[in-house]
Structure formats: C-alpha cells, structure tokens
Amino acid sequence: QLGATNIPAVRAAVQTGQSLGVMRPGGESPVLTH
C-alpha cells in the first residue's frame, strides 16, 4: 500500500499574509521575483 504526504502545493514565488513594504522613506518592498 502507498501513502501520500498531504502538504499543499505552493503556487507563487512569494506570499505574505500582511502588507509588503511601508509608506516611509526606505520602506519599499525588498522583493523581486522571476
């Protein structure tokens, strides 16, 4: 019998549960994706 790990797939390069970057000098998002 075969079992399978049930970890969900990851469908994006970067995911954040909150905002990314803040509105102040030097607070821009530090993320770039390919």
PDB file of all heavy atoms in Angstrom:
ATOM      1  N   GLN A   1       0.847  -1.192   0.000  1.00  0.00           N
ATOM      2  CA  GLN A   1       0.000   0.000   0.000  1.00  0.00           C
ATOM      3  C   GLN A   1       0.884   1.244   0.000  1.00  0.00           C
ATOM      4  O   GLN A   1       1.949   1.261   0.625  1.00  0.00           O
ATOM      5  CB  GLN A   1      -0.905   0.018   1.237  1.00  0.00           C
ATOM      6  CG  GLN A   1      -1.770  -1.230   1.390  1.00  0.00           C
ATOM      7  CD  GLN A   1      -2.799  -1.328   0.279  1.00  0.00           C
ATOM      8  OE1 GLN A   1      -3.655  -0.479   0.145  1.00  0.00           O
ATOM      9  NE2 GLN A   1      -2.694  -2.375  -0.523  1.00  0.00           N
ATOM     10  N   LEU A   2       0.422   2.263  -0.690  1.00  0.00           N
ATOM     11  CA  LEU A   2       1.154   3.519  -0.767  1.00  0.00           C
ATOM     12  C   LEU A   2       0.383   4.621  -0.046  1.00  0.00           C
ATOM     13  O   LEU A   2      -0.843   4.716  -0.181  1.00  0.00           O
ATOM     14  CB  LEU A   2       1.374   3.932  -2.226  1.00  0.00           C
ATOM     15  CG  LEU A   2       2.121   2.933  -3.114  1.00  0.00           C
ATOM     16  CD1 LEU A   2       2.304   3.512  -4.509  1.00  0.00           C
ATOM     17  CD2 LEU A   2       3.455   2.544  -2.518  1.00  0.00           C
ATOM     18  N   GLY A   3       1.119   5.413   0.713  1.00  0.00           N
ATOM     19  CA  GLY A   3       0.552   6.603   1.319  1.00  0.00           C
ATOM     20  C   GLY A   3       1.105   7.836   0.628  1.00  0.00           C
ATOM     21  O   GLY A   3       2.069   7.766  -0.136  1.00  0.00           O
ATOM     22  N   ALA A   4       0.504   8.997   0.890  1.00  0.00           N
ATOM     23  CA  ALA A   4       0.950  10.242   0.268  1.00  0.00           C
ATOM     24  C   ALA A   4       0.996  11.351   1.305  1.00  0.00           C
ATOM     25  O   ALA A   4       0.096  11.465   2.135  1.00  0.00           O
ATOM     26  CB  ALA A   4       0.015  10.641  -0.876  1.00  0.00           C
ATOM     27  N   THR A   5       2.063  12.130   1.275  1.00  0.00           N
ATOM     28  CA  THR A   5       2.123  13.309   2.132  1.00  0.00           C
ATOM     29  C   THR A   5       1.133  14.337   1.589  1.00  0.00           C
ATOM     30  O   THR A   5       0.982  14.491   0.380  1.00  0.00           O
ATOM     31  CB  THR A   5       3.530  13.916   2.154  1.00  0.00           C
ATOM     32  OG1 THR A   5       3.972  14.120   0.808  1.00  0.00           O
ATOM     33  CG2 THR A   5       4.506  12.994   2.860  1.00  0.00           C
ATOM     34  N   ASN A   6       0.488  15.033   2.499  1.00  0.00           N
ATOM     35  CA  ASN A   6      -0.630  15.889   2.108  1.00  0.00           C
ATOM     36  C   ASN A   6      -0.296  17.367   2.253  1.00  0.00           C
ATOM     37  O   ASN A   6      -1.149  18.173   2.605  1.00  0.00           O
ATOM     38  CB  ASN A   6      -1.864  15.546   2.960  1.00  0.00           C
ATOM     39  CG  ASN A   6      -3.149  16.048   2.327  1.00  0.00           C
ATOM     40  OD1 ASN A   6      -3.228  16.196   1.117  1.00  0.00           O
ATOM     41  ND2 ASN A   6      -4.146  16.327   3.138  1.00  0.00           N
ATOM     42  N   ILE A   7       0.959  17.743   2.013  1.00  0.00           N
ATOM     43  CA  ILE A   7       1.336  19.156   2.094  1.00  0.00           C
ATOM     44  C   ILE A   7       0.836  19.877   0.847  1.00  0.00           C
ATOM     45  O   ILE A   7       1.085  19.437  -0.275  1.00  0.00           O
ATOM     46  CB  ILE A   7       2.860  19.303   2.227  1.00  0.00           C
ATOM     47  CG1 ILE A   7       3.322  18.717   3.559  1.00  0.00           C
ATOM     48  CG2 ILE A   7       3.280  20.752   2.126  1.00  0.00           C
ATOM     49  CD1 ILE A   7       4.788  18.857   3.812  1.00  0.00           C
ATOM     50  N   PRO A   8       0.123  20.993   1.007  1.00  0.00           N
ATOM     51  CA  PRO A   8      -0.413  21.695  -0.156  1.00  0.00           C
ATOM     52  C   PRO A   8       0.686  22.195  -1.086  1.00  0.00           C
ATOM     53  O   PRO A   8       1.795  22.523  -0.658  1.00  0.00           O
ATOM     54  CB  PRO A   8      -1.174  22.878   0.465  1.00  0.00           C
ATOM     55  CG  PRO A   8      -1.434  22.476   1.880  1.00  0.00           C
ATOM     56  CD  PRO A   8      -0.276  21.613   2.281  1.00  0.00           C
ATOM     57  N   ALA A   9       0.354  22.241  -2.354  1.00  0.00           N
ATOM     58  CA  ALA A   9       1.277  22.799  -3.337  1.00  0.00           C
ATOM     59  C   ALA A   9       1.494  24.287  -3.072  1.00  0.00           C
ATOM     60  O   ALA A   9       0.667  24.951  -2.446  1.00  0.00           O
ATOM     61  CB  ALA A   9       0.721  22.589  -4.742  1.00  0.00           C
ATOM     62  N   VAL A  10       2.622  24.782  -3.555  1.00  0.00           N
ATOM     63  CA  VAL A  10       2.946  26.208  -3.417  1.00  0.00           C
ATOM     64  C   VAL A  10       2.881  26.820  -4.810  1.00  0.00           C
ATOM     65  O   VAL A  10       3.642  26.436  -5.699  1.00  0.00           O
ATOM     66  CB  VAL A  10       4.345  26.404  -2.801  1.00  0.00           C
ATOM     67  CG1 VAL A  10       4.716  27.876  -2.768  1.00  0.00           C
ATOM     68  CG2 VAL A  10       4.377  25.821  -1.403  1.00  0.00           C
ATOM     69  N   ARG A  11       1.976  27.795  -4.987  1.00  0.00           N
ATOM     70  CA  ARG A  11       1.648  28.264  -6.336  1.00  0.00           C
ATOM     71  C   ARG A  11       2.114  29.685  -6.622  1.00  0.00           C
ATOM     72  O   ARG A  11       1.642  30.299  -7.574  1.00  0.00           O
ATOM     73  CB  ARG A  11       0.139  28.135  -6.544  1.00  0.00           C
ATOM     74  CG  ARG A  11      -0.350  26.683  -6.489  1.00  0.00           C
ATOM     75  CD  ARG A  11      -1.845  26.602  -6.389  1.00  0.00           C
ATOM     76  NE  ARG A  11      -2.318  27.069  -5.090  1.00  0.00           N
ATOM     77  CZ  ARG A  11      -3.608  27.145  -4.758  1.00  0.00           C
ATOM     78  NH1 ARG A  11      -4.531  26.789  -5.626  1.00  0.00           N
ATOM     79  NH2 ARG A  11      -3.966  27.578  -3.564  1.00  0.00           N
ATOM     80  N   ALA A  12       3.020  30.204  -5.831  1.00  0.00           N
ATOM     81  CA  ALA A  12       3.546  31.554  -6.079  1.00  0.00           C
ATOM     82  C   ALA A  12       4.965  31.633  -5.558  1.00  0.00           C
ATOM     83  O   ALA A  12       5.357  30.905  -4.639  1.00  0.00           O
ATOM     84  CB  ALA A  12       2.667  32.610  -5.416  1.00  0.00           C
ATOM     85  N   ALA A  13       5.752  32.541  -6.133  1.00  0.00           N
ATOM     86  CA  ALA A  13       7.137  32.701  -5.710  1.00  0.00           C
ATOM     87  C   ALA A  13       7.227  33.325  -4.324  1.00  0.00           C
ATOM     88  O   ALA A  13       8.056  32.932  -3.508  1.00  0.00           O
ATOM     89  CB  ALA A  13       7.893  33.567  -6.721  1.00  0.00           C
ATOM     90  N   VAL A  14       6.375  34.304  -4.050  1.00  0.00           N
ATOM     91  CA  VAL A  14       6.376  35.000  -2.763  1.00  0.00           C
ATOM     92  C   VAL A  14       4.932  35.179  -2.310  1.00  0.00           C
ATOM     93  O   VAL A  14       4.079  35.606  -3.098  1.00  0.00           O
ATOM     94  CB  VAL A  14       7.084  36.361  -2.855  1.00  0.00           C
ATOM     95  CG1 VAL A  14       6.912  37.146  -1.555  1.00  0.00           C
ATOM     96  CG2 VAL A  14       8.562  36.185  -3.170  1.00  0.00           C
ATOM     97  N   GLN A  15       4.659  34.858  -1.038  1.00  0.00           N
ATOM     98  CA  GLN A  15       3.332  35.047  -0.458  1.00  0.00           C
ATOM     99  C   GLN A  15       3.489  35.653   0.934  1.00  0.00           C
ATOM    100  O   GLN A  15       4.282  35.164   1.734  1.00  0.00           O
ATOM    101  CB  GLN A  15       2.585  33.715  -0.351  1.00  0.00           C
ATOM    102  CG  GLN A  15       2.439  32.978  -1.670  1.00  0.00           C
ATOM    103  CD  GLN A  15       1.690  31.669  -1.532  1.00  0.00           C
ATOM    104  OE1 GLN A  15       0.614  31.606  -0.956  1.00  0.00           O
ATOM    105  NE2 GLN A  15       2.265  30.596  -2.060  1.00  0.00           N
ATOM    106  N   THR A  16       2.724  36.714   1.209  1.00  0.00           N
ATOM    107  CA  THR A  16       2.749  37.332   2.530  1.00  0.00           C
ATOM    108  C   THR A  16       1.328  37.493   3.048  1.00  0.00           C
ATOM    109  O   THR A  16       0.421  37.869   2.299  1.00  0.00           O
ATOM    110  CB  THR A  16       3.433  38.713   2.500  1.00  0.00           C
ATOM    111  OG1 THR A  16       2.630  39.635   1.752  1.00  0.00           O
ATOM    112  CG2 THR A  16       4.817  38.626   1.889  1.00  0.00           C
ATOM    113  N   GLY A  17       1.144  37.231   4.332  1.00  0.00           N
ATOM    114  CA  GLY A  17      -0.170  37.351   4.948  1.00  0.00           C
ATOM    115  C   GLY A  17      -0.507  38.753   5.379  1.00  0.00           C
ATOM    116  O   GLY A  17      -1.623  39.014   5.853  1.00  0.00           O
ATOM    117  N   GLN A  18       0.436  39.675   5.254  1.00  0.00           N
ATOM    118  CA  GLN A  18       0.208  41.081   5.584  1.00  0.00           C
ATOM    119  C   GLN A  18       0.665  41.947   4.414  1.00  0.00           C
ATOM    120  O   GLN A  18       0.962  41.431   3.329  1.00  0.00           O
ATOM    121  CB  GLN A  18       0.969  41.456   6.864  1.00  0.00           C
ATOM    122  CG  GLN A  18       0.571  40.649   8.090  1.00  0.00           C
ATOM    123  CD  GLN A  18       1.438  40.963   9.297  1.00  0.00           C
ATOM    124  OE1 GLN A  18       2.287  41.846   9.265  1.00  0.00           O
ATOM    125  NE2 GLN A  18       1.228  40.218  10.382  1.00  0.00           N
ATOM    126  N   SER A  19       0.717  43.246   4.629  1.00  0.00           N
ATOM    127  CA  SER A  19       1.213  44.158   3.592  1.00  0.00           C
ATOM    128  C   SER A  19       2.704  43.931   3.368  1.00  0.00           C
ATOM    129  O   SER A  19       3.420  43.405   4.235  1.00  0.00           O
ATOM    130  CB  SER A  19       0.955  45.613   3.994  1.00  0.00           C
ATOM    131  OG  SER A  19      -0.442  45.874   4.074  1.00  0.00           O
ATOM    132  N   LEU A  20       3.173  44.342   2.206  1.00  0.00           N
ATOM    133  CA  LEU A  20       4.578  44.193   1.841  1.00  0.00           C
ATOM    134  C   LEU A  20       5.138  45.583   1.542  1.00  0.00           C
ATOM    135  O   LEU A  20       4.754  46.230   0.565  1.00  0.00           O
ATOM    136  CB  LEU A  20       4.717  43.284   0.624  1.00  0.00           C
ATOM    137  CG  LEU A  20       6.130  42.931   0.153  1.00  0.00           C
ATOM    138  CD1 LEU A  20       6.926  42.286   1.269  1.00  0.00           C
ATOM    139  CD2 LEU A  20       6.069  42.001  -1.056  1.00  0.00           C
ATOM    140  N   GLY A  21       6.016  46.058   2.420  1.00  0.00           N
ATOM    141  CA  GLY A  21       6.528  47.420   2.320  1.00  0.00           C
ATOM    142  C   GLY A  21       5.658  48.388   3.112  1.00  0.00           C
ATOM    143  O   GLY A  21       4.482  48.108   3.382  1.00  0.00           O
ATOM    144  N   VAL A  22       6.250  49.512   3.515  1.00  0.00           N
ATOM    145  CA  VAL A  22       5.527  50.527   4.294  1.00  0.00           C
ATOM    146  C   VAL A  22       5.771  51.902   3.678  1.00  0.00           C
ATOM    147  O   VAL A  22       6.769  52.140   2.999  1.00  0.00           O
ATOM    148  CB  VAL A  22       5.980  50.530   5.779  1.00  0.00           C
ATOM    149  CG1 VAL A  22       5.578  49.242   6.460  1.00  0.00           C
ATOM    150  CG2 VAL A  22       7.490  50.742   5.890  1.00  0.00           C
ATOM    151  N   MET A  23       4.836  52.823   3.928  1.00  0.00           N
ATOM    152  CA  MET A  23       4.911  54.173   3.351  1.00  0.00           C
ATOM    153  C   MET A  23       5.797  55.086   4.195  1.00  0.00           C
ATOM    154  O   MET A  23       5.327  55.939   4.950  1.00  0.00           O
ATOM    155  CB  MET A  23       3.501  54.737   3.213  1.00  0.00           C
ATOM    156  CG  MET A  23       2.716  54.134   2.061  1.00  0.00           C
ATOM    157  SD  MET A  23       3.475  54.468   0.452  1.00  0.00           S
ATOM    158  CE  MET A  23       3.278  56.248   0.344  1.00  0.00           C
ATOM    159  N   ARG A  24       7.106  54.881   4.065  1.00  0.00           N
ATOM    160  CA  ARG A  24       8.076  55.786   4.672  1.00  0.00           C
ATOM    161  C   ARG A  24       9.368  55.690   3.869  1.00  0.00           C
ATOM    162  O   ARG A  24       9.583  54.694   3.156  1.00  0.00           O
ATOM    163  CB  ARG A  24       8.323  55.422   6.147  1.00  0.00           C
ATOM    164  CG  ARG A  24       8.991  54.104   6.389  1.00  0.00           C
ATOM    165  CD  ARG A  24       9.470  53.980   7.837  1.00  0.00           C
ATOM    166  NE  ARG A  24      10.182  52.738   8.053  1.00  0.00           N
ATOM    167  CZ  ARG A  24       9.659  51.644   8.573  1.00  0.00           C
ATOM    168  NH1 ARG A  24       8.385  51.637   8.944  1.00  0.00           N
ATOM    169  NH2 ARG A  24      10.387  50.557   8.742  1.00  0.00           N
ATOM    170  N   PRO A  25      10.219  56.679   3.922  1.00  0.00           N
ATOM    171  CA  PRO A  25      11.461  56.631   3.141  1.00  0.00           C
ATOM    172  C   PRO A  25      12.257  55.356   3.436  1.00  0.00           C
ATOM    173  O   PRO A  25      12.512  55.021   4.589  1.00  0.00           O
ATOM    174  CB  PRO A  25      12.211  57.887   3.603  1.00  0.00           C
ATOM    175  CG  PRO A  25      11.131  58.819   4.048  1.00  0.00           C
ATOM    176  CD  PRO A  25      10.075  57.953   4.657  1.00  0.00           C
ATOM    177  N   GLY A  26      12.629  54.665   2.379  1.00  0.00           N
ATOM    178  CA  GLY A  26      13.372  53.412   2.538  1.00  0.00           C
ATOM    179  C   GLY A  26      12.509  52.230   2.915  1.00  0.00           C
ATOM    180  O   GLY A  26      13.028  51.139   3.156  1.00  0.00           O
ATOM    181  N   GLY A  27      11.184  52.398   2.941  1.00  0.00           N
ATOM    182  CA  GLY A  27      10.293  51.320   3.353  1.00  0.00           C
ATOM    183  C   GLY A  27       9.701  50.532   2.210  1.00  0.00           C
ATOM    184  O   GLY A  27       8.755  49.760   2.413  1.00  0.00           O
ATOM    185  N   GLU A  28      10.220  50.684   1.000  1.00  0.00           N
ATOM    186  CA  GLU A  28       9.661  49.977  -0.151  1.00  0.00           C
ATOM    187  C   GLU A  28       9.885  48.469  -0.035  1.00  0.00           C
ATOM    188  O   GLU A  28      10.755  47.997   0.695  1.00  0.00           O
ATOM    189  CB  GLU A  28      10.278  50.488  -1.458  1.00  0.00           C
ATOM    190  CG  GLU A  28      11.763  50.192  -1.625  1.00  0.00           C
ATOM    191  CD  GLU A  28      12.643  51.288  -1.048  1.00  0.00           C
ATOM    192  OE1 GLU A  28      12.134  52.146  -0.302  1.00  0.00           O
ATOM    193  OE2 GLU A  28      13.862  51.273  -1.339  1.00  0.00           O
ATOM    194  N   SER A  29       9.083  47.722  -0.758  1.00  0.00           N
ATOM    195  CA  SER A  29       9.188  46.254  -0.762  1.00  0.00           C
ATOM    196  C   SER A  29      10.584  45.824  -1.186  1.00  0.00           C
ATOM    197  O   SER A  29      11.115  46.316  -2.193  1.00  0.00           O
ATOM    198  CB  SER A  29       8.152  45.654  -1.711  1.00  0.00           C
ATOM    199  OG  SER A  29       8.466  44.316  -2.021  1.00  0.00           O
ATOM    200  N   PRO A  30      11.203  44.884  -0.450  1.00  0.00           N
ATOM    201  CA  PRO A  30      12.542  44.411  -0.828  1.00  0.00           C
ATOM    202  C   PRO A  30      12.511  43.158  -1.698  1.00  0.00           C
ATOM    203  O   PRO A  30      13.510  42.456  -1.802  1.00  0.00           O
ATOM    204  CB  PRO A  30      13.164  44.098   0.536  1.00  0.00           C
ATOM    205  CG  PRO A  30      12.008  43.615   1.353  1.00  0.00           C
ATOM    206  CD  PRO A  30      10.791  44.362   0.871  1.00  0.00           C
ATOM    207  N   VAL A  31      11.363  42.884  -2.325  1.00  0.00           N
ATOM    208  CA  VAL A  31      11.165  41.610  -3.023  1.00  0.00           C
ATOM    209  C   VAL A  31      11.139  41.806  -4.535  1.00  0.00           C
ATOM    210  O   VAL A  31      10.435  42.691  -5.039  1.00  0.00           O
ATOM    211  CB  VAL A  31       9.851  40.944  -2.562  1.00  0.00           C
ATOM    212  CG1 VAL A  31       9.556  39.712  -3.402  1.00  0.00           C
ATOM    213  CG2 VAL A  31       9.923  40.589  -1.088  1.00  0.00           C
ATOM    214  N   LEU A  32      11.886  40.969  -5.253  1.00  0.00           N
ATOM    215  CA  LEU A  32      11.805  40.863  -6.701  1.00  0.00           C
ATOM    216  C   LEU A  32      11.675  39.387  -7.060  1.00  0.00           C
ATOM    217  O   LEU A  32      12.345  38.540  -6.458  1.00  0.00           O
ATOM    218  CB  LEU A  32      13.044  41.453  -7.376  1.00  0.00           C
ATOM    219  CG  LEU A  32      13.189  42.981  -7.346  1.00  0.00           C
ATOM    220  CD1 LEU A  32      14.537  43.392  -7.929  1.00  0.00           C
ATOM    221  CD2 LEU A  32      12.053  43.649  -8.109  1.00  0.00           C
ATOM    222  N   THR A  33      10.822  39.083  -8.043  1.00  0.00           N
ATOM    223  CA  THR A  33      10.588  37.678  -8.387  1.00  0.00           C
ATOM    224  C   THR A  33      10.786  37.426  -9.870  1.00  0.00           C
ATOM    225  O   THR A  33      10.568  38.301 -10.706  1.00  0.00           O
ATOM    226  CB  THR A  33       9.165  37.238  -7.997  1.00  0.00           C
ATOM    227  OG1 THR A  33       8.210  38.014  -8.736  1.00  0.00           O
ATOM    228  CG2 THR A  33       8.915  37.409  -6.515  1.00  0.00           C
ATOM    229  N   HIS A  34      11.200  36.207 -10.159  1.00  0.00           N
ATOM    230  CA  HIS A  34      11.273  35.679 -11.511  1.00  0.00           C
ATOM    231  C   HIS A  34      10.410  34.417 -11.555  1.00  0.00           C
ATOM    232  O   HIS A  34      10.347  33.652 -10.587  1.00  0.00           O
ATOM    233  CB  HIS A  34      12.703  35.267 -11.895  1.00  0.00           C
ATOM    234  CG  HIS A  34      13.731  36.346 -11.756  1.00  0.00           C
ATOM    235  ND1 HIS A  34      14.295  36.985 -12.843  1.00  0.00           N
ATOM    236  CD2 HIS A  34      14.336  36.876 -10.659  1.00  0.00           C
ATOM    237  CE1 HIS A  34      15.198  37.855 -12.420  1.00  0.00           C
ATOM    238  NE2 HIS A  34      15.246  37.809 -11.103  1.00  0.00           N
TER     239      HIS A  34
END
